[in-house]
Protein backbone atom coordinates (compact mmCIF):
# COMPACT_ATOMS: atom_id res chain seq x y z
CA MET A 1 22.62 145.03 -7.38
CA ASN A 2 20.78 145.40 -11.22
CA ARG A 3 21.08 149.43 -11.95
CA ILE A 4 18.26 149.48 -14.26
CA LYS A 5 14.65 148.24 -14.14
CA LEU A 6 12.90 149.13 -16.69
CA ARG A 7 9.61 146.90 -17.55
CA LYS A 8 8.71 149.14 -20.80
CA PRO A 9 10.65 149.07 -23.61
CA ASN A 10 11.29 152.77 -24.03
CA ILE A 11 11.56 154.81 -21.22
CA LEU A 12 9.45 157.88 -23.18
CA GLU A 13 6.81 155.01 -22.78
CA TYR A 14 6.22 156.36 -19.19
CA LYS A 15 4.14 159.37 -18.00
CA VAL A 16 5.62 160.29 -14.62
CA PHE A 17 9.51 160.83 -14.38
CA ILE A 18 10.76 161.25 -10.47
CA PHE A 19 14.21 162.67 -10.89
CA ASP A 20 16.62 162.68 -7.97
CA LEU A 21 18.97 165.99 -7.84
CA ASP A 22 22.20 165.70 -6.02
CA GLY A 23 24.50 163.56 -7.52
CA THR A 24 21.61 162.88 -10.41
CA LEU A 25 21.26 166.29 -12.46
CA TYR A 26 24.80 167.02 -11.86
CA TYR A 27 28.17 165.26 -11.57
CA GLN A 28 28.82 165.18 -8.24
CA LYS A 29 32.72 164.20 -7.79
CA PRO A 30 33.54 167.07 -9.68
CA PHE A 31 31.42 169.40 -8.09
CA ARG A 32 32.49 168.41 -4.45
CA ILE A 33 36.59 168.99 -5.33
CA LYS A 34 35.69 172.46 -6.62
CA MET A 35 33.33 172.67 -3.18
CA LEU A 36 36.04 171.52 -1.02
CA MET A 37 38.14 174.07 -2.90
CA THR A 38 35.74 176.77 -1.93
CA LEU A 39 35.75 176.02 1.45
CA ILE A 40 39.32 175.70 2.09
CA LYS A 41 39.55 179.42 0.34
CA TYR A 42 36.76 180.41 2.98
CA VAL A 43 38.28 178.98 6.14
CA LEU A 44 41.36 180.77 5.24
CA ARG A 45 39.30 184.03 5.38
CA HIS A 46 37.06 183.00 8.42
CA PRO A 47 38.98 180.74 10.55
CA ALA A 48 36.52 180.37 13.45
CA ALA A 49 34.37 179.03 10.74
CA ILE A 50 36.23 175.63 10.97
CA LYS A 51 33.84 174.86 14.11
CA ASP A 52 31.03 175.22 11.55
CA LEU A 53 32.32 172.99 9.19
CA PHE A 54 32.52 169.88 11.95
CA VAL A 55 28.81 170.91 12.30
CA ILE A 56 27.92 170.39 8.54
CA LYS A 57 30.25 167.01 8.85
CA ARG A 58 28.08 165.42 11.99
CA TYR A 59 24.81 166.58 10.17
CA ARG A 60 25.61 164.92 6.96
CA GLN A 61 26.46 161.82 9.31
CA ILE A 62 23.22 162.06 11.21
CA ARG A 63 20.86 162.36 7.99
CA GLU A 64 22.58 159.54 6.03
CA HIS A 65 21.63 157.62 8.95
CA TRP A 66 18.41 159.03 10.12
CA GLU A 67 17.14 155.82 11.06
CA GLN A 68 19.54 155.20 13.91
CA TYR A 69 18.32 158.75 15.74
CA GLU A 70 14.86 158.58 14.79
CA SER A 71 12.55 157.72 17.65
CA GLY A 72 9.36 157.11 16.08
CA GLU A 73 7.38 158.58 18.69
CA ALA A 74 4.87 161.53 18.10
CA SER A 75 6.23 164.17 18.09
CA ASP A 76 5.35 168.39 16.66
CA GLN A 77 9.16 169.14 15.44
CA THR A 78 9.55 168.54 11.49
CA LEU A 79 11.63 166.15 10.10
CA ASP A 80 14.45 169.21 10.34
CA GLU A 81 14.14 170.69 13.31
CA LYS A 82 14.82 166.62 15.12
CA GLN A 83 17.65 166.56 12.54
CA TYR A 84 19.00 170.08 13.85
CA ALA A 85 18.08 169.35 17.38
CA ALA A 86 20.11 165.75 16.62
CA VAL A 87 23.19 167.27 15.52
CA ALA A 88 22.88 170.31 18.50
CA ALA A 89 23.15 167.41 21.12
CA LYS A 90 26.15 165.34 19.39
CA SER A 91 27.99 168.63 18.69
CA GLY A 92 27.11 170.35 22.06
CA THR A 93 25.74 173.33 20.22
CA THR A 94 22.64 174.75 19.78
CA SER A 95 20.12 173.93 16.94
CA GLU A 96 20.05 177.88 15.67
CA ARG A 97 23.34 177.19 15.03
CA VAL A 98 23.35 174.06 12.80
CA LYS A 99 20.38 175.45 10.91
CA ASN A 100 22.07 178.48 9.94
CA ALA A 101 25.21 176.79 9.52
CA VAL A 102 23.18 174.02 6.88
CA ARG A 103 21.77 176.97 5.17
CA PHE A 104 25.09 178.91 4.67
CA PHE A 105 27.03 176.20 3.71
CA MET A 106 24.78 173.58 1.98
CA HIS A 107 22.24 175.32 0.43
CA GLU A 108 23.77 179.03 -0.58
CA MET A 109 27.22 178.67 -1.16
CA PRO A 110 27.16 175.57 -3.45
CA LEU A 111 24.42 177.29 -5.70
CA ASN A 112 27.04 179.63 -8.19
CA LEU A 113 29.19 176.49 -8.40
CA LEU A 114 26.25 174.38 -10.02
CA LEU A 115 25.63 175.02 -13.48
CA PRO A 116 29.02 174.21 -15.00
CA TYR A 117 28.74 170.37 -13.40
CA ARG A 118 24.80 169.94 -14.91
CA ASP A 119 24.16 166.58 -16.57
CA GLU A 120 23.49 167.75 -20.39
CA ILE A 121 22.45 164.07 -21.12
CA LEU A 122 20.03 164.07 -18.15
CA LYS A 123 18.78 167.32 -19.44
CA SER A 124 18.03 166.56 -22.71
CA LEU A 125 15.94 163.70 -21.27
CA ILE A 126 13.59 166.41 -19.34
CA ASP A 127 13.39 168.69 -22.20
CA ILE A 128 11.92 165.53 -24.46
CA VAL A 129 9.56 164.51 -22.00
CA LYS A 130 8.40 168.11 -20.96
CA GLU A 131 7.94 168.36 -25.23
CA LYS A 132 6.33 165.25 -24.97
CA LYS A 133 3.91 166.68 -22.06
CA LYS A 134 5.07 164.14 -20.01
CA THR A 135 5.07 164.85 -15.77
CA VAL A 136 8.72 165.81 -14.94
CA VAL A 137 8.95 165.64 -10.59
CA ILE A 138 12.18 166.33 -8.64
CA TYR A 139 12.25 164.12 -5.22
CA SER A 140 15.31 165.31 -3.04
CA ASP A 141 16.23 164.48 0.36
CA TYR A 142 17.58 167.88 0.24
CA PRO A 143 15.71 171.59 -0.69
CA VAL A 144 15.61 171.87 -5.03
CA GLU A 145 13.85 174.60 -5.58
CA ALA A 146 17.21 177.03 -5.73
CA LYS A 147 19.66 174.40 -6.78
CA LEU A 148 16.88 173.64 -10.10
CA ALA A 149 17.05 177.38 -10.64
CA CYS A 150 20.64 177.53 -10.77
CA LEU A 151 21.01 174.45 -12.82
CA GLY A 152 18.07 175.77 -15.57
CA ILE A 153 15.84 173.03 -15.02
CA THR A 154 12.27 173.74 -14.28
CA ALA A 155 9.66 170.84 -12.83
CA ASP A 156 5.84 170.40 -12.73
CA ALA A 157 6.60 169.27 -9.22
CA CYS A 158 9.32 169.29 -6.24
CA TYR A 159 9.14 167.47 -3.28
CA THR A 160 11.70 167.07 -0.40
CA SER A 161 11.71 164.65 2.61
CA GLY A 162 11.24 167.53 4.71
CA ASP A 163 8.12 168.45 3.45
CA ALA A 164 5.43 168.02 6.04
CA CYS A 165 3.63 165.57 3.88
CA ILE A 166 6.92 163.40 3.59
CA GLY A 167 8.65 163.90 6.69
CA CYS A 168 10.85 160.75 5.95
CA MET A 169 14.54 159.99 3.97
CA LYS A 170 14.87 157.94 1.04
CA PRO A 171 14.62 154.91 1.08
CA ASP A 172 11.33 155.03 3.22
CA PRO A 173 8.61 154.50 0.40
CA LYS A 174 6.69 156.94 1.92
CA GLY A 175 7.81 159.69 -0.06
CA LEU A 176 7.29 157.91 -3.31
CA LYS A 177 3.94 156.84 -2.35
CA VAL A 178 2.43 160.35 -1.28
CA ILE A 179 3.75 161.60 -5.03
CA LEU A 180 2.50 159.03 -6.66
CA ASP A 181 -0.67 159.74 -4.73
CA THR A 182 -0.60 162.98 -5.36
CA LEU A 183 -0.19 163.07 -8.94
CA GLY A 184 -2.80 160.44 -9.23
CA CYS A 185 -0.18 158.16 -11.10
CA ASP A 186 -0.39 154.55 -11.10
CA SER A 187 3.34 152.85 -10.24
CA ALA A 188 3.25 151.23 -13.46
CA ASP A 189 3.39 154.42 -15.34
CA ALA A 190 6.09 156.13 -13.45
CA VAL A 191 10.24 155.66 -13.43
CA MET A 192 12.72 157.02 -10.55
CA ILE A 193 15.72 158.39 -11.73
CA GLY A 194 18.58 158.60 -9.22
CA ASP A 195 22.22 157.97 -8.43
CA ARG A 196 22.40 155.75 -5.35
CA TYR A 197 20.66 152.09 -5.20
CA GLU A 198 20.23 152.10 -1.73
CA LYS A 199 18.35 155.31 -1.53
CA ASP A 200 16.71 155.80 -4.85
CA GLY A 201 16.48 152.32 -5.98
CA LEU A 202 15.14 151.03 -2.92
CA ALA A 203 12.58 153.86 -2.37
CA ALA A 204 11.38 152.87 -6.05
CA GLN A 205 11.48 149.34 -5.82
CA ARG A 206 9.40 149.47 -2.45
CA ASN A 207 6.56 151.01 -4.38
CA ASN A 208 6.67 148.89 -7.80
CA VAL A 209 8.05 151.62 -9.39
CA ASP A 210 10.73 151.43 -12.11
CA TYR A 211 13.98 152.91 -12.21
CA VAL A 212 17.75 154.02 -13.31
CA ILE A 213 20.18 154.29 -11.37
CA VAL A 214 23.12 156.65 -13.16
CA ASP A 215 26.72 156.10 -13.04
CA GLY A 216 28.65 159.06 -11.75
CA SER A 217 30.98 159.40 -14.94
CA LYS A 218 29.85 160.89 -18.21
CA LYS A 219 30.88 158.16 -19.89
CA GLU A 220 28.79 155.56 -18.73
CA ARG A 221 25.83 158.16 -18.96
CA GLU A 222 26.06 158.75 -22.48
CA LYS A 223 24.64 154.98 -22.93
CA LEU A 224 21.67 156.25 -21.41
CA ARG A 225 20.54 158.23 -24.66
CA ASP A 226 20.05 154.65 -26.17
CA MET A 227 16.57 153.97 -23.60
CA TRP A 228 15.09 156.92 -25.92
CA ALA A 229 16.75 157.23 -28.94
């Protein structure tokens, strides 16, 4: 598996930069350790919350392998609603409880913990890209606006898999196609930057978009600077 596929000699020659967020714009491994410690402390104070954590575990598993649960049948439900319902059915609870657990433990609790783990290397690339009047897009399977604000990162556009115009998970090619079509951007002028080939890399490849799959270590990410030196 090739972690880097660039047809242009310098990454700054691209016009549109599409970034994944989780695991890409911050270092996920140390953040997860911090998050685990925070969850342990929370459960010690609120023992009943352990049930919600099992719901969260099931939710992550189902989202990660959503293609196994997606029926493909027409539905008025959004992607998020369908996933909440699937988790509720597997967990013997209600969709509302799943939704509230996800909101609190996955969308709200992490916010105050993120900033120390921001990837300053990619942050500097974003700053350079914006100075050169290129387009910065964030595309994630999870909500991004609140996390971006906590990371002190701004983008020209943000998309998530749950958006009505997308409604599917990476590596389904639809998400990137929607972004390119909305921006009026040719695939050759865009580059996808993410942390997982099986998600970000494949989504890019299926749209004939170049990509960079970043490593989880700061030492390895330092080498990325050569791309815009």
